[in-house]
Amino acid sequence: RECRARKKLRYQYLEELVSSKERAICALREELEMYKQWC
């Protein structure tokens, strides 16, 4: 039971980490697109 609980927490942490990185990537892509338009 404890092992499953730890595994669940680990996966939740990793999913949050992935989603935050994806948001950062989207923001950087938007910024890059803005700079391309400026150029």
PDB file of all heavy atoms in Angstrom:
ATOM      1  N   ARG A   1       0.839  -1.212   0.000  1.00  0.00           N
ATOM      2  CA  ARG A   1       0.000   0.000   0.000  1.00  0.00           C
ATOM      3  C   ARG A   1       0.868   1.254   0.000  1.00  0.00           C
ATOM      4  O   ARG A   1       0.616   2.199  -0.753  1.00  0.00           O
ATOM      5  CB  ARG A   1      -0.926   0.015   1.226  1.00  0.00           C
ATOM      6  CG  ARG A   1      -2.192  -0.789   1.043  1.00  0.00           C
ATOM      7  CD  ARG A   1      -3.180  -0.510   2.178  1.00  0.00           C
ATOM      8  NE  ARG A   1      -2.756  -1.077   3.450  1.00  0.00           N
ATOM      9  CZ  ARG A   1      -3.081  -2.289   3.881  1.00  0.00           C
ATOM     10  NH1 ARG A   1      -3.843  -3.069   3.150  1.00  0.00           N
ATOM     11  NH2 ARG A   1      -2.649  -2.713   5.054  1.00  0.00           N
ATOM     12  N   GLU A   2       1.886   1.250   0.860  1.00  0.00           N
ATOM     13  CA  GLU A   2       2.781   2.403   0.937  1.00  0.00           C
ATOM     14  C   GLU A   2       3.539   2.603  -0.380  1.00  0.00           C
ATOM     15  O   GLU A   2       3.724   3.730  -0.834  1.00  0.00           O
ATOM     16  CB  GLU A   2       3.756   2.230   2.099  1.00  0.00           C
ATOM     17  CG  GLU A   2       3.093   2.320   3.454  1.00  0.00           C
ATOM     18  CD  GLU A   2       4.009   1.923   4.602  1.00  0.00           C
ATOM     19  OE1 GLU A   2       5.179   1.568   4.342  1.00  0.00           O
ATOM     20  OE2 GLU A   2       3.542   1.959   5.758  1.00  0.00           O
ATOM     21  N   CYS A   3       3.945   1.520  -0.978  1.00  0.00           N
ATOM     22  CA  CYS A   3       4.667   1.588  -2.250  1.00  0.00           C
ATOM     23  C   CYS A   3       3.774   2.191  -3.337  1.00  0.00           C
ATOM     24  O   CYS A   3       4.211   3.054  -4.105  1.00  0.00           O
ATOM     25  CB  CYS A   3       5.149   0.203  -2.663  1.00  0.00           C
ATOM     26  SG  CYS A   3       6.051   0.167  -4.209  1.00  0.00           S
ATOM     27  N   ARG A   4       2.515   1.755  -3.375  1.00  0.00           N
ATOM     28  CA  ARG A   4       1.581   2.299  -4.366  1.00  0.00           C
ATOM     29  C   ARG A   4       1.334   3.787  -4.120  1.00  0.00           C
ATOM     30  O   ARG A   4       1.231   4.571  -5.069  1.00  0.00           O
ATOM     31  CB  ARG A   4       0.266   1.520  -4.354  1.00  0.00           C
ATOM     32  CG  ARG A   4       0.381   0.145  -5.006  1.00  0.00           C
ATOM     33  CD  ARG A   4      -0.981  -0.490  -5.193  1.00  0.00           C
ATOM     34  NE  ARG A   4      -1.658  -0.768  -3.931  1.00  0.00           N
ATOM     35  CZ  ARG A   4      -1.553  -1.889  -3.232  1.00  0.00           C
ATOM     36  NH1 ARG A   4      -0.772  -2.865  -3.679  1.00  0.00           N
ATOM     37  NH2 ARG A   4      -2.213  -2.059  -2.112  1.00  0.00           N
ATOM     38  N   ALA A   5       1.241   4.183  -2.860  1.00  0.00           N
ATOM     39  CA  ALA A   5       1.033   5.597  -2.533  1.00  0.00           C
ATOM     40  C   ALA A   5       2.237   6.438  -2.972  1.00  0.00           C
ATOM     41  O   ALA A   5       2.071   7.530  -3.538  1.00  0.00           O
ATOM     42  CB  ALA A   5       0.784   5.766  -1.039  1.00  0.00           C
ATOM     43  N   ARG A   6       3.447   5.935  -2.711  1.00  0.00           N
ATOM     44  CA  ARG A   6       4.650   6.656  -3.137  1.00  0.00           C
ATOM     45  C   ARG A   6       4.706   6.763  -4.660  1.00  0.00           C
ATOM     46  O   ARG A   6       5.053   7.809  -5.214  1.00  0.00           O
ATOM     47  CB  ARG A   6       5.909   5.958  -2.629  1.00  0.00           C
ATOM     48  CG  ARG A   6       6.195   6.168  -1.165  1.00  0.00           C
ATOM     49  CD  ARG A   6       7.584   5.689  -0.784  1.00  0.00           C
ATOM     50  NE  ARG A   6       7.848   4.318  -1.153  1.00  0.00           N
ATOM     51  CZ  ARG A   6       7.618   3.255  -0.374  1.00  0.00           C
ATOM     52  NH1 ARG A   6       7.119   3.424   0.829  1.00  0.00           N
ATOM     53  NH2 ARG A   6       7.896   2.039  -0.800  1.00  0.00           N
ATOM     54  N   LYS A   7       4.349   5.689  -5.332  1.00  0.00           N
ATOM     55  CA  LYS A   7       4.355   5.676  -6.787  1.00  0.00           C
ATOM     56  C   LYS A   7       3.362   6.692  -7.337  1.00  0.00           C
ATOM     57  O   LYS A   7       3.661   7.430  -8.278  1.00  0.00           O
ATOM     58  CB  LYS A   7       4.003   4.273  -7.288  1.00  0.00           C
ATOM     59  CG  LYS A   7       4.058   4.112  -8.788  1.00  0.00           C
ATOM     60  CD  LYS A   7       3.756   2.675  -9.173  1.00  0.00           C
ATOM     61  CE  LYS A   7       3.760   2.479 -10.664  1.00  0.00           C
ATOM     62  NZ  LYS A   7       3.439   1.098 -11.033  1.00  0.00           N
ATOM     63  N   LYS A   8       2.184   6.762  -6.718  1.00  0.00           N
ATOM     64  CA  LYS A   8       1.154   7.706  -7.145  1.00  0.00           C
ATOM     65  C   LYS A   8       1.647   9.142  -6.976  1.00  0.00           C
ATOM     66  O   LYS A   8       1.486   9.971  -7.875  1.00  0.00           O
ATOM     67  CB  LYS A   8      -0.119   7.491  -6.330  1.00  0.00           C
ATOM     68  CG  LYS A   8      -1.281   8.332  -6.774  1.00  0.00           C
ATOM     69  CD  LYS A   8      -2.505   7.992  -5.946  1.00  0.00           C
ATOM     70  CE  LYS A   8      -3.693   8.846  -6.353  1.00  0.00           C
ATOM     71  NZ  LYS A   8      -4.873   8.539  -5.538  1.00  0.00           N
ATOM     72  N   LEU A   9       2.273   9.442  -5.828  1.00  0.00           N
ATOM     73  CA  LEU A   9       2.816  10.783  -5.596  1.00  0.00           C
ATOM     74  C   LEU A   9       3.921  11.114  -6.600  1.00  0.00           C
ATOM     75  O   LEU A   9       3.999  12.243  -7.098  1.00  0.00           O
ATOM     76  CB  LEU A   9       3.366  10.893  -4.177  1.00  0.00           C
ATOM     77  CG  LEU A   9       2.325  11.007  -3.068  1.00  0.00           C
ATOM     78  CD1 LEU A   9       3.011  10.941  -1.702  1.00  0.00           C
ATOM     79  CD2 LEU A   9       1.550  12.299  -3.193  1.00  0.00           C
ATOM     80  N   ARG A  10       4.776  10.147  -6.874  1.00  0.00           N
ATOM     81  CA  ARG A  10       5.867  10.363  -7.820  1.00  0.00           C
ATOM     82  C   ARG A  10       5.311  10.682  -9.209  1.00  0.00           C
ATOM     83  O   ARG A  10       5.763  11.604  -9.882  1.00  0.00           O
ATOM     84  CB  ARG A  10       6.776   9.130  -7.872  1.00  0.00           C
ATOM     85  CG  ARG A  10       7.998   9.300  -8.741  1.00  0.00           C
ATOM     86  CD  ARG A  10       8.999   8.161  -8.608  1.00  0.00           C
ATOM     87  NE  ARG A  10       8.427   6.853  -8.837  1.00  0.00           N
ATOM     88  CZ  ARG A  10       8.264   5.914  -7.902  1.00  0.00           C
ATOM     89  NH1 ARG A  10       8.635   6.141  -6.669  1.00  0.00           N
ATOM     90  NH2 ARG A  10       7.730   4.743  -8.192  1.00  0.00           N
ATOM     91  N   TYR A  11       4.286   9.945  -9.636  1.00  0.00           N
ATOM     92  CA  TYR A  11       3.693  10.185 -10.947  1.00  0.00           C
ATOM     93  C   TYR A  11       2.981  11.533 -10.987  1.00  0.00           C
ATOM     94  O   TYR A  11       3.040  12.240 -11.994  1.00  0.00           O
ATOM     95  CB  TYR A  11       2.742   9.057 -11.345  1.00  0.00           C
ATOM     96  CG  TYR A  11       3.460   7.925 -12.041  1.00  0.00           C
ATOM     97  CD1 TYR A  11       4.075   6.917 -11.317  1.00  0.00           C
ATOM     98  CD2 TYR A  11       3.563   7.882 -13.423  1.00  0.00           C
ATOM     99  CE1 TYR A  11       4.758   5.895 -11.944  1.00  0.00           C
ATOM    100  CE2 TYR A  11       4.236   6.867 -14.072  1.00  0.00           C
ATOM    101  CZ  TYR A  11       4.833   5.873 -13.322  1.00  0.00           C
ATOM    102  OH  TYR A  11       5.514   4.862 -13.958  1.00  0.00           O
ATOM    103  N   GLN A  12       2.317  11.926  -9.896  1.00  0.00           N
ATOM    104  CA  GLN A  12       1.675  13.239  -9.854  1.00  0.00           C
ATOM    105  C   GLN A  12       2.715  14.346  -9.992  1.00  0.00           C
ATOM    106  O   GLN A  12       2.521  15.303 -10.750  1.00  0.00           O
ATOM    107  CB  GLN A  12       0.912  13.424  -8.543  1.00  0.00           C
ATOM    108  CG  GLN A  12      -0.380  12.651  -8.467  1.00  0.00           C
ATOM    109  CD  GLN A  12      -1.041  12.762  -7.097  1.00  0.00           C
ATOM    110  OE1 GLN A  12      -0.433  13.226  -6.138  1.00  0.00           O
ATOM    111  NE2 GLN A  12      -2.277  12.322  -7.011  1.00  0.00           N
ATOM    112  N   TYR A  13       3.823  14.197  -9.269  1.00  0.00           N
ATOM    113  CA  TYR A  13       4.896  15.190  -9.347  1.00  0.00           C
ATOM    114  C   TYR A  13       5.441  15.281 -10.771  1.00  0.00           C
ATOM    115  O   TYR A  13       5.622  16.374 -11.313  1.00  0.00           O
ATOM    116  CB  TYR A  13       6.020  14.832  -8.369  1.00  0.00           C
ATOM    117  CG  TYR A  13       7.304  15.565  -8.623  1.00  0.00           C
ATOM    118  CD1 TYR A  13       7.430  16.907  -8.286  1.00  0.00           C
ATOM    119  CD2 TYR A  13       8.382  14.928  -9.224  1.00  0.00           C
ATOM    120  CE1 TYR A  13       8.610  17.595  -8.534  1.00  0.00           C
ATOM    121  CE2 TYR A  13       9.562  15.603  -9.467  1.00  0.00           C
ATOM    122  CZ  TYR A  13       9.667  16.937  -9.121  1.00  0.00           C
ATOM    123  OH  TYR A  13      10.834  17.616  -9.377  1.00  0.00           O
ATOM    124  N   LEU A  14       5.675  14.132 -11.386  1.00  0.00           N
ATOM    125  CA  LEU A  14       6.225  14.130 -12.741  1.00  0.00           C
ATOM    126  C   LEU A  14       5.241  14.728 -13.747  1.00  0.00           C
ATOM    127  O   LEU A  14       5.641  15.447 -14.670  1.00  0.00           O
ATOM    128  CB  LEU A  14       6.623  12.707 -13.151  1.00  0.00           C
ATOM    129  CG  LEU A  14       7.844  12.141 -12.426  1.00  0.00           C
ATOM    130  CD1 LEU A  14       8.044  10.675 -12.777  1.00  0.00           C
ATOM    131  CD2 LEU A  14       9.086  12.939 -12.747  1.00  0.00           C
ATOM    132  N   GLU A  15       3.942  14.445 -13.578  1.00  0.00           N
ATOM    133  CA  GLU A  15       2.941  15.013 -14.478  1.00  0.00           C
ATOM    134  C   GLU A  15       2.884  16.525 -14.334  1.00  0.00           C
ATOM    135  O   GLU A  15       2.769  17.250 -15.335  1.00  0.00           O
ATOM    136  CB  GLU A  15       1.568  14.392 -14.195  1.00  0.00           C
ATOM    137  CG  GLU A  15       1.445  12.968 -14.704  1.00  0.00           C
ATOM    138  CD  GLU A  15       0.165  12.275 -14.259  1.00  0.00           C
ATOM    139  OE1 GLU A  15      -0.627  12.888 -13.502  1.00  0.00           O
ATOM    140  OE2 GLU A  15      -0.047  11.130 -14.678  1.00  0.00           O
ATOM    141  N   GLU A  16       2.966  17.036 -13.103  1.00  0.00           N
ATOM    142  CA  GLU A  16       2.987  18.483 -12.892  1.00  0.00           C
ATOM    143  C   GLU A  16       4.234  19.101 -13.514  1.00  0.00           C
ATOM    144  O   GLU A  16       4.178  20.173 -14.122  1.00  0.00           O
ATOM    145  CB  GLU A  16       2.937  18.805 -11.402  1.00  0.00           C
ATOM    146  CG  GLU A  16       1.603  18.513 -10.761  1.00  0.00           C
ATOM    147  CD  GLU A  16       1.623  18.654  -9.243  1.00  0.00           C
ATOM    148  OE1 GLU A  16       2.643  19.139  -8.694  1.00  0.00           O
ATOM    149  OE2 GLU A  16       0.625  18.287  -8.612  1.00  0.00           O
ATOM    150  N   LEU A  17       5.352  18.417 -13.374  1.00  0.00           N
ATOM    151  CA  LEU A  17       6.600  18.899 -13.949  1.00  0.00           C
ATOM    152  C   LEU A  17       6.500  18.968 -15.476  1.00  0.00           C
ATOM    153  O   LEU A  17       6.888  19.968 -16.091  1.00  0.00           O
ATOM    154  CB  LEU A  17       7.750  17.970 -13.533  1.00  0.00           C
ATOM    155  CG  LEU A  17       9.165  18.444 -13.787  1.00  0.00           C
ATOM    156  CD1 LEU A  17       9.475  19.692 -12.971  1.00  0.00           C
ATOM    157  CD2 LEU A  17      10.150  17.347 -13.437  1.00  0.00           C
ATOM    158  N   VAL A  18       5.945  17.929 -16.080  1.00  0.00           N
ATOM    159  CA  VAL A  18       5.792  17.895 -17.534  1.00  0.00           C
ATOM    160  C   VAL A  18       4.866  19.015 -17.999  1.00  0.00           C
ATOM    161  O   VAL A  18       5.165  19.725 -18.969  1.00  0.00           O
ATOM    162  CB  VAL A  18       5.269  16.516 -17.996  1.00  0.00           C
ATOM    163  CG1 VAL A  18       4.791  16.556 -19.430  1.00  0.00           C
ATOM    164  CG2 VAL A  18       6.350  15.463 -17.843  1.00  0.00           C
ATOM    165  N   SER A  19       3.742  19.209 -17.292  1.00  0.00           N
ATOM    166  CA  SER A  19       2.804  20.246 -17.723  1.00  0.00           C
ATOM    167  C   SER A  19       3.419  21.639 -17.583  1.00  0.00           C
ATOM    168  O   SER A  19       3.199  22.504 -18.440  1.00  0.00           O
ATOM    169  CB  SER A  19       1.492  20.144 -16.953  1.00  0.00           C
ATOM    170  OG  SER A  19       1.688  20.433 -15.596  1.00  0.00           O
ATOM    171  N   SER A  20       4.200  21.869 -16.520  1.00  0.00           N
ATOM    172  CA  SER A  20       4.838  23.180 -16.380  1.00  0.00           C
ATOM    173  C   SER A  20       5.869  23.403 -17.487  1.00  0.00           C
ATOM    174  O   SER A  20       5.981  24.508 -18.025  1.00  0.00           O
ATOM    175  CB  SER A  20       5.481  23.334 -15.008  1.00  0.00           C
ATOM    176  OG  SER A  20       6.624  22.524 -14.896  1.00  0.00           O
ATOM    177  N   LYS A  21       6.607  22.359 -17.837  1.00  0.00           N
ATOM    178  CA  LYS A  21       7.583  22.480 -18.930  1.00  0.00           C
ATOM    179  C   LYS A  21       6.872  22.724 -20.256  1.00  0.00           C
ATOM    180  O   LYS A  21       7.343  23.500 -21.088  1.00  0.00           O
ATOM    181  CB  LYS A  21       8.456  21.223 -19.037  1.00  0.00           C
ATOM    182  CG  LYS A  21       9.299  20.937 -17.822  1.00  0.00           C
ATOM    183  CD  LYS A  21      10.335  21.982 -17.566  1.00  0.00           C
ATOM    184  CE  LYS A  21      11.196  21.595 -16.385  1.00  0.00           C
ATOM    185  NZ  LYS A  21      12.080  22.658 -15.960  1.00  0.00           N
ATOM    186  N   GLU A  22       5.729  22.061 -20.475  1.00  0.00           N
ATOM    187  CA  GLU A  22       4.967  22.273 -21.710  1.00  0.00           C
ATOM    188  C   GLU A  22       4.458  23.710 -21.794  1.00  0.00           C
ATOM    189  O   GLU A  22       4.480  24.319 -22.863  1.00  0.00           O
ATOM    190  CB  GLU A  22       3.803  21.282 -21.798  1.00  0.00           C
ATOM    191  CG  GLU A  22       4.252  19.872 -22.123  1.00  0.00           C
ATOM    192  CD  GLU A  22       3.123  18.856 -22.070  1.00  0.00           C
ATOM    193  OE1 GLU A  22       2.052  19.163 -21.502  1.00  0.00           O
ATOM    194  OE2 GLU A  22       3.315  17.756 -22.596  1.00  0.00           O
ATOM    195  N   ARG A  23       4.004  24.258 -20.645  1.00  0.00           N
ATOM    196  CA  ARG A  23       3.551  25.659 -20.637  1.00  0.00           C
ATOM    197  C   ARG A  23       4.707  26.593 -20.964  1.00  0.00           C
ATOM    198  O   ARG A  23       4.546  27.561 -21.715  1.00  0.00           O
ATOM    199  CB  ARG A  23       2.943  26.017 -19.280  1.00  0.00           C
ATOM    200  CG  ARG A  23       1.555  25.449 -19.078  1.00  0.00           C
ATOM    201  CD  ARG A  23       0.876  26.068 -17.863  1.00  0.00           C
ATOM    202  NE  ARG A  23       1.608  25.882 -16.614  1.00  0.00           N
ATOM    203  CZ  ARG A  23       1.484  24.848 -15.804  1.00  0.00           C
ATOM    204  NH1 ARG A  23       0.636  23.882 -16.095  1.00  0.00           N
ATOM    205  NH2 ARG A  23       2.194  24.763 -14.691  1.00  0.00           N
ATOM    206  N   ALA A  24       5.882  26.304 -20.404  1.00  0.00           N
ATOM    207  CA  ALA A  24       7.058  27.131 -20.684  1.00  0.00           C
ATOM    208  C   ALA A  24       7.426  27.061 -22.161  1.00  0.00           C
ATOM    209  O   ALA A  24       7.768  28.081 -22.782  1.00  0.00           O
ATOM    210  CB  ALA A  24       8.236  26.690 -19.816  1.00  0.00           C
ATOM    211  N   ILE A  25       7.328  25.889 -22.742  1.00  0.00           N
ATOM    212  CA  ILE A  25       7.638  25.713 -24.163  1.00  0.00           C
ATOM    213  C   ILE A  25       6.663  26.517 -25.018  1.00  0.00           C
ATOM    214  O   ILE A  25       7.064  27.196 -25.968  1.00  0.00           O
ATOM    215  CB  ILE A  25       7.620  24.219 -24.550  1.00  0.00           C
ATOM    216  CG1 ILE A  25       8.829  23.510 -23.947  1.00  0.00           C
ATOM    217  CG2 ILE A  25       7.590  24.034 -26.059  1.00  0.00           C
ATOM    218  CD1 ILE A  25       8.789  21.999 -24.053  1.00  0.00           C
ATOM    219  N   CYS A  26       5.374  26.470 -24.667  1.00  0.00           N
ATOM    220  CA  CYS A  26       4.370  27.230 -25.416  1.00  0.00           C
ATOM    221  C   CYS A  26       4.653  28.723 -25.338  1.00  0.00           C
ATOM    222  O   CYS A  26       4.558  29.443 -26.344  1.00  0.00           O
ATOM    223  CB  CYS A  26       2.969  26.929 -24.896  1.00  0.00           C
ATOM    224  SG  CYS A  26       2.376  25.297 -25.333  1.00  0.00           S
ATOM    225  N   ALA A  27       5.005  29.211 -24.145  1.00  0.00           N
ATOM    226  CA  ALA A  27       5.307  30.634 -23.980  1.00  0.00           C
ATOM    227  C   ALA A  27       6.524  31.018 -24.819  1.00  0.00           C
ATOM    228  O   ALA A  27       6.533  32.080 -25.473  1.00  0.00           O
ATOM    229  CB  ALA A  27       5.557  30.952 -22.513  1.00  0.00           C
ATOM    230  N   LEU A  28       7.540  30.170 -24.834  1.00  0.00           N
ATOM    231  CA  LEU A  28       8.737  30.457 -25.625  1.00  0.00           C
ATOM    232  C   LEU A  28       8.437  30.426 -27.121  1.00  0.00           C
ATOM    233  O   LEU A  28       8.984  31.227 -27.887  1.00  0.00           O
ATOM    234  CB  LEU A  28       9.855  29.474 -25.277  1.00  0.00           C
ATOM    235  CG  LEU A  28      10.492  29.670 -23.908  1.00  0.00           C
ATOM    236  CD1 LEU A  28      11.402  28.502 -23.572  1.00  0.00           C
ATOM    237  CD2 LEU A  28      11.252  30.978 -23.843  1.00  0.00           C
ATOM    238  N   ARG A  29       7.566  29.516 -27.545  1.00  0.00           N
ATOM    239  CA  ARG A  29       7.188  29.458 -28.967  1.00  0.00           C
ATOM    240  C   ARG A  29       6.444  30.723 -29.373  1.00  0.00           C
ATOM    241  O   ARG A  29       6.666  31.255 -30.466  1.00  0.00           O
ATOM    242  CB  ARG A  29       6.345  28.219 -29.243  1.00  0.00           C
ATOM    243  CG  ARG A  29       7.170  26.969 -29.330  1.00  0.00           C
ATOM    244  CD  ARG A  29       6.360  25.795 -29.829  1.00  0.00           C
ATOM    245  NE  ARG A  29       7.221  24.638 -29.961  1.00  0.00           N
ATOM    246  CZ  ARG A  29       6.867  23.398 -29.674  1.00  0.00           C
ATOM    247  NH1 ARG A  29       5.652  23.137 -29.247  1.00  0.00           N
ATOM    248  NH2 ARG A  29       7.718  22.401 -29.817  1.00  0.00           N
ATOM    249  N   GLU A  30       5.556  31.194 -28.481  1.00  0.00           N
ATOM    250  CA  GLU A  30       4.833  32.436 -28.774  1.00  0.00           C
ATOM    251  C   GLU A  30       5.801  33.609 -28.866  1.00  0.00           C
ATOM    252  O   GLU A  30       5.684  34.456 -29.764  1.00  0.00           O
ATOM    253  CB  GLU A  30       3.783  32.701 -27.696  1.00  0.00           C
ATOM    254  CG  GLU A  30       2.607  31.766 -27.745  1.00  0.00           C
ATOM    255  CD  GLU A  30       1.640  31.957 -26.581  1.00  0.00           C
ATOM    256  OE1 GLU A  30       1.816  32.921 -25.798  1.00  0.00           O
ATOM    257  OE2 GLU A  30       0.704  31.155 -26.472  1.00  0.00           O
ATOM    258  N   GLU A  31       6.762  33.656 -27.959  1.00  0.00           N
ATOM    259  CA  GLU A  31       7.753  34.725 -27.989  1.00  0.00           C
ATOM    260  C   GLU A  31       8.580  34.661 -29.267  1.00  0.00           C
ATOM    261  O   GLU A  31       8.845  35.680 -29.911  1.00  0.00           O
ATOM    262  CB  GLU A  31       8.659  34.609 -26.757  1.00  0.00           C
ATOM    263  CG  GLU A  31       9.594  35.775 -26.567  1.00  0.00           C
ATOM    264  CD  GLU A  31      10.432  35.642 -25.301  1.00  0.00           C
ATOM    265  OE1 GLU A  31      10.220  34.698 -24.515  1.00  0.00           O
ATOM    266  OE2 GLU A  31      11.309  36.496 -25.109  1.00  0.00           O
ATOM    267  N   LEU A  32       8.972  33.451 -29.658  1.00  0.00           N
ATOM    268  CA  LEU A  32       9.738  33.279 -30.889  1.00  0.00           C
ATOM    269  C   LEU A  32       8.924  33.729 -32.100  1.00  0.00           C
ATOM    270  O   LEU A  32       9.450  34.403 -32.989  1.00  0.00           O
ATOM    271  CB  LEU A  32      10.156  31.807 -31.045  1.00  0.00           C
ATOM    272  CG  LEU A  32      10.910  31.435 -32.312  1.00  0.00           C
ATOM    273  CD1 LEU A  32      12.253  32.158 -32.367  1.00  0.00           C
ATOM    274  CD2 LEU A  32      11.110  29.935 -32.391  1.00  0.00           C
ATOM    275  N   GLU A  33       7.654  33.388 -32.130  1.00  0.00           N
ATOM    276  CA  GLU A  33       6.785  33.790 -33.235  1.00  0.00           C
ATOM    277  C   GLU A  33       6.667  35.317 -33.300  1.00  0.00           C
ATOM    278  O   GLU A  33       6.694  35.901 -34.393  1.00  0.00           O
ATOM    279  CB  GLU A  33       5.402  33.156 -33.078  1.00  0.00           C
ATOM    280  CG  GLU A  33       4.513  33.312 -34.290  1.00  0.00           C
ATOM    281  CD  GLU A  33       5.098  32.724 -35.560  1.00  0.00           C
ATOM    282  OE1 GLU A  33       5.768  31.669 -35.493  1.00  0.00           O
ATOM    283  OE2 GLU A  33       4.886  33.325 -36.640  1.00  0.00           O
ATOM    284  N   MET A  34       6.568  35.960 -32.133  1.00  0.00           N
ATOM    285  CA  MET A  34       6.501  37.417 -32.085  1.00  0.00           C
ATOM    286  C   MET A  34       7.783  38.018 -32.665  1.00  0.00           C
ATOM    287  O   MET A  34       7.722  38.943 -33.478  1.00  0.00           O
ATOM    288  CB  MET A  34       6.314  37.881 -30.638  1.00  0.00           C
ATOM    289  CG  MET A  34       6.282  39.379 -30.463  1.00  0.00           C
ATOM    290  SD  MET A  34       6.194  39.879 -28.733  1.00  0.00           S
ATOM    291  CE  MET A  34       7.795  39.332 -28.133  1.00  0.00           C
ATOM    292  N   TYR A  35       8.937  37.468 -32.287  1.00  0.00           N
ATOM    293  CA  TYR A  35      10.200  37.975 -32.813  1.00  0.00           C
ATOM    294  C   TYR A  35      10.318  37.739 -34.316  1.00  0.00           C
ATOM    295  O   TYR A  35      10.862  38.572 -35.044  1.00  0.00           O
ATOM    296  CB  TYR A  35      11.394  37.348 -32.077  1.00  0.00           C
ATOM    297  CG  TYR A  35      11.514  37.782 -30.637  1.00  0.00           C
ATOM    298  CD1 TYR A  35      11.907  36.890 -29.652  1.00  0.00           C
ATOM    299  CD2 TYR A  35      11.240  39.088 -30.247  1.00  0.00           C
ATOM    300  CE1 TYR A  35      12.016  37.285 -28.320  1.00  0.00           C
ATOM    301  CE2 TYR A  35      11.340  39.490 -28.930  1.00  0.00           C
ATOM    302  CZ  TYR A  35      11.731  38.587 -27.972  1.00  0.00           C
ATOM    303  OH  TYR A  35      11.834  38.981 -26.673  1.00  0.00           O
ATOM    304  N   LYS A  36       9.810  36.616 -34.792  1.00  0.00           N
ATOM    305  CA  LYS A  36       9.823  36.352 -36.239  1.00  0.00           C
ATOM    306  C   LYS A  36       8.979  37.376 -36.975  1.00  0.00           C
ATOM    307  O   LYS A  36       9.363  37.874 -38.043  1.00  0.00           O
ATOM    308  CB  LYS A  36       9.298  34.943 -36.528  1.00  0.00           C
ATOM    309  CG  LYS A  36      10.276  33.838 -36.233  1.00  0.00           C
ATOM    310  CD  LYS A  36       9.649  32.504 -36.582  1.00  0.00           C
ATOM    311  CE  LYS A  36      10.564  31.350 -36.304  1.00  0.00           C
ATOM    312  NZ  LYS A  36       9.935  30.043 -36.619  1.00  0.00           N
ATOM    313  N   GLN A  37       7.813  37.700 -36.395  1.00  0.00           N
ATOM    314  CA  GLN A  37       6.949  38.704 -37.022  1.00  0.00           C
ATOM    315  C   GLN A  37       7.628  40.071 -37.034  1.00  0.00           C
ATOM    316  O   GLN A  37       7.532  40.809 -38.012  1.00  0.00           O
ATOM    317  CB  GLN A  37       5.607  38.774 -36.291  1.00  0.00           C
ATOM    318  CG  GLN A  37       4.737  37.556 -36.509  1.00  0.00           C
ATOM    319  CD  GLN A  37       3.479  37.568 -35.648  1.00  0.00           C
ATOM    320  OE1 GLN A  37       3.269  38.465 -34.855  1.00  0.00           O
ATOM    321  NE2 GLN A  37       2.651  36.536 -35.820  1.00  0.00           N
ATOM    322  N   TRP A  38       8.308  40.400 -35.939  1.00  0.00           N
ATOM    323  CA  TRP A  38       9.025  41.667 -35.889  1.00  0.00           C
ATOM    324  C   TRP A  38      10.099  41.712 -36.975  1.00  0.00           C
ATOM    325  O   TRP A  38      10.245  42.718 -37.668  1.00  0.00           O
ATOM    326  CB  TRP A  38       9.683  41.865 -34.531  1.00  0.00           C
ATOM    327  CG  TRP A  38       8.764  42.179 -33.400  1.00  0.00           C
ATOM    328  CD1 TRP A  38       7.398  42.183 -33.419  1.00  0.00           C
ATOM    329  CD2 TRP A  38       9.145  42.517 -32.072  1.00  0.00           C
ATOM    330  NE1 TRP A  38       6.911  42.497 -32.179  1.00  0.00           N
ATOM    331  CE2 TRP A  38       7.961  42.716 -31.323  1.00  0.00           C
ATOM    332  CE3 TRP A  38      10.360  42.663 -31.423  1.00  0.00           C
ATOM    333  CZ2 TRP A  38       7.962  43.062 -29.977  1.00  0.00           C
ATOM    334  CZ3 TRP A  38      10.370  43.004 -30.085  1.00  0.00           C
ATOM    335  CH2 TRP A  38       9.179  43.217 -29.365  1.00  0.00           C
ATOM    336  N   CYS A  39      10.825  40.614 -37.133  1.00  0.00           N
ATOM    337  CA  CYS A  39      11.890  40.565 -38.131  1.00  0.00           C
ATOM    338  C   CYS A  39      11.329  40.693 -39.541  1.00  0.00           C
ATOM    339  O   CYS A  39      11.883  41.435 -40.374  1.00  0.00           O
ATOM    340  CB  CYS A  39      12.692  39.267 -38.000  1.00  0.00           C
ATOM    341  SG  CYS A  39      13.744  39.225 -36.556  1.00  0.00           S
TER     342      CYS A  39
END
